[in-house]
Amino acid sequence: MSTAQLVVNILLIISSLVMIVSVLLQKGDDDAMSALTGGSSDSFFGKNKAKTAQGRLALLTKISASVFVALALLMIFID
């Protein structure tokens, strides 16, 4: 195993752990059922969700998932 493979493997493990923790810390989506019954989620808190802790966790999940996919694809090309 080369040094590059070792570094990418370690980064892949770290990004997967960050993704797992960020998904587990998020709240469930209760607004999904209210959309079916005609409820509105256009409240002040719904519009400013990106500034809350849940919004930051969602952003962290998206970033860590993107890093995970990029590293997994990079592993294909490292020989």
C-alpha atoms as a PDB file:
ATOM      1  CA  MET A   1       0.000   0.000   0.000  1.00  0.00           C
ATOM      2  CA  SER A   2       1.465   3.311  -1.047  1.00  0.00           C
ATOM      3  CA  THR A   3       1.547   6.471   1.022  1.00  0.00           C
ATOM      4  CA  ALA A   4      -1.111   8.121  -1.161  1.00  0.00           C
ATOM      5  CA  GLN A   5      -3.485   5.197  -0.648  1.00  0.00           C
ATOM      6  CA  LEU A   6      -2.909   5.315   3.095  1.00  0.00           C
ATOM      7  CA  VAL A   7      -3.623   9.046   3.275  1.00  0.00           C
ATOM      8  CA  VAL A   8      -6.791   8.732   1.160  1.00  0.00           C
ATOM      9  CA  ASN A   9      -7.966   5.773   3.266  1.00  0.00           C
ATOM     10  CA  ILE A  10      -7.529   7.760   6.479  1.00  0.00           C
ATOM     11  CA  LEU A  11      -9.360  10.766   4.998  1.00  0.00           C
ATOM     12  CA  LEU A  12     -12.122   8.449   3.775  1.00  0.00           C
ATOM     13  CA  ILE A  13     -12.582   7.006   7.259  1.00  0.00           C
ATOM     14  CA  ILE A  14     -12.652  10.475   8.832  1.00  0.00           C
ATOM     15  CA  SER A  15     -15.191  11.788   6.321  1.00  0.00           C
ATOM     16  CA  SER A  16     -17.409   8.745   6.820  1.00  0.00           C
ATOM     17  CA  LEU A  17     -17.336   9.184  10.606  1.00  0.00           C
ATOM     18  CA  VAL A  18     -18.196  12.887  10.285  1.00  0.00           C
ATOM     19  CA  MET A  19     -21.071  12.015   7.969  1.00  0.00           C
ATOM     20  CA  ILE A  20     -22.414   9.352  10.348  1.00  0.00           C
ATOM     21  CA  VAL A  21     -22.260  11.651  13.373  1.00  0.00           C
ATOM     22  CA  SER A  22     -23.841  14.591  11.537  1.00  0.00           C
ATOM     23  CA  VAL A  23     -26.727  12.441  10.301  1.00  0.00           C
ATOM     24  CA  LEU A  24     -27.346  10.968  13.741  1.00  0.00           C
ATOM     25  CA  LEU A  25     -27.396  14.400  15.398  1.00  0.00           C
ATOM     26  CA  GLN A  26     -30.088  15.762  13.063  1.00  0.00           C
ATOM     27  CA  LYS A  27     -33.710  15.897  14.108  1.00  0.00           C
ATOM     28  CA  GLY A  28     -36.374  13.980  12.238  1.00  0.00           C
ATOM     29  CA  ASP A  29     -38.328  15.815   9.547  1.00  0.00           C
ATOM     30  CA  ASP A  30     -41.751  16.434  11.085  1.00  0.00           C
ATOM     31  CA  ASP A  31     -42.667  18.960   8.386  1.00  0.00           C
ATOM     32  CA  ALA A  32     -42.995  16.233   5.764  1.00  0.00           C
ATOM     33  CA  MET A  33     -46.313  15.025   7.143  1.00  0.00           C
ATOM     34  CA  SER A  34     -47.696  18.551   7.493  1.00  0.00           C
ATOM     35  CA  ALA A  35     -47.053  19.139   3.798  1.00  0.00           C
ATOM     36  CA  LEU A  36     -49.366  16.235   2.990  1.00  0.00           C
ATOM     37  CA  THR A  37     -52.152  17.569   5.176  1.00  0.00           C
ATOM     38  CA  GLY A  38     -51.901  21.113   3.874  1.00  0.00           C
ATOM     39  CA  GLY A  39     -49.814  22.615   6.651  1.00  0.00           C
ATOM     40  CA  SER A  40     -47.438  25.421   5.811  1.00  0.00           C
ATOM     41  CA  SER A  41     -43.758  25.475   6.712  1.00  0.00           C
ATOM     42  CA  ASP A  42     -43.207  29.084   5.592  1.00  0.00           C
ATOM     43  CA  SER A  43     -42.700  30.343   9.101  1.00  0.00           C
ATOM     44  CA  PHE A  44     -39.865  32.568  10.249  1.00  0.00           C
ATOM     45  CA  PHE A  45     -37.929  29.559  11.478  1.00  0.00           C
ATOM     46  CA  GLY A  46     -38.493  27.677   8.239  1.00  0.00           C
ATOM     47  CA  LYS A  47     -37.069  30.530   6.176  1.00  0.00           C
ATOM     48  CA  ASN A  48     -34.007  30.982   8.407  1.00  0.00           C
ATOM     49  CA  LYS A  49     -33.214  27.315   8.839  1.00  0.00           C
ATOM     50  CA  ALA A  50     -29.688  27.668   7.417  1.00  0.00           C
ATOM     51  CA  LYS A  51     -28.679  29.810  10.400  1.00  0.00           C
ATOM     52  CA  THR A  52     -29.755  27.271  13.013  1.00  0.00           C
ATOM     53  CA  ALA A  53     -27.797  24.320  14.371  1.00  0.00           C
ATOM     54  CA  GLN A  54     -29.942  21.971  12.286  1.00  0.00           C
ATOM     55  CA  GLY A  55     -29.108  23.942   9.157  1.00  0.00           C
ATOM     56  CA  ARG A  56     -25.414  23.744   9.915  1.00  0.00           C
ATOM     57  CA  LEU A  57     -25.686  19.993  10.520  1.00  0.00           C
ATOM     58  CA  ALA A  58     -27.448  19.580   7.176  1.00  0.00           C
ATOM     59  CA  LEU A  59     -24.679  21.553   5.474  1.00  0.00           C
ATOM     60  CA  LEU A  60     -22.017  19.477   7.239  1.00  0.00           C
ATOM     61  CA  THR A  61     -23.760  16.304   6.061  1.00  0.00           C
ATOM     62  CA  LYS A  62     -23.792  17.511   2.458  1.00  0.00           C
ATOM     63  CA  ILE A  63     -20.136  18.528   2.559  1.00  0.00           C
ATOM     64  CA  SER A  64     -18.963  15.303   4.192  1.00  0.00           C
ATOM     65  CA  ALA A  65     -20.992  13.216   1.733  1.00  0.00           C
ATOM     66  CA  SER A  66     -19.429  15.107  -1.180  1.00  0.00           C
ATOM     67  CA  VAL A  67     -15.941  14.621   0.247  1.00  0.00           C
ATOM     68  CA  PHE A  68     -16.675  10.929   0.814  1.00  0.00           C
ATOM     69  CA  VAL A  69     -17.784  10.422  -2.804  1.00  0.00           C
ATOM     70  CA  ALA A  70     -14.819  12.371  -4.157  1.00  0.00           C
ATOM     71  CA  LEU A  71     -12.354  10.356  -2.073  1.00  0.00           C
ATOM     72  CA  ALA A  72     -14.006   7.090  -3.055  1.00  0.00           C
ATOM     73  CA  LEU A  73     -13.671   8.017  -6.717  1.00  0.00           C
ATOM     74  CA  LEU A  74     -10.066   9.073  -6.117  1.00  0.00           C
ATOM     75  CA  MET A  75      -9.329   5.633  -4.676  1.00  0.00           C
ATOM     76  CA  ILE A  76     -10.195   4.113  -8.037  1.00  0.00           C
ATOM     77  CA  PHE A  77      -7.489   6.056  -9.818  1.00  0.00           C
ATOM     78  CA  ILE A  78      -4.693   5.679  -7.239  1.00  0.00           C
ATOM     79  CA  ASP A  79      -2.422   2.794  -8.055  1.00  0.00           C
END
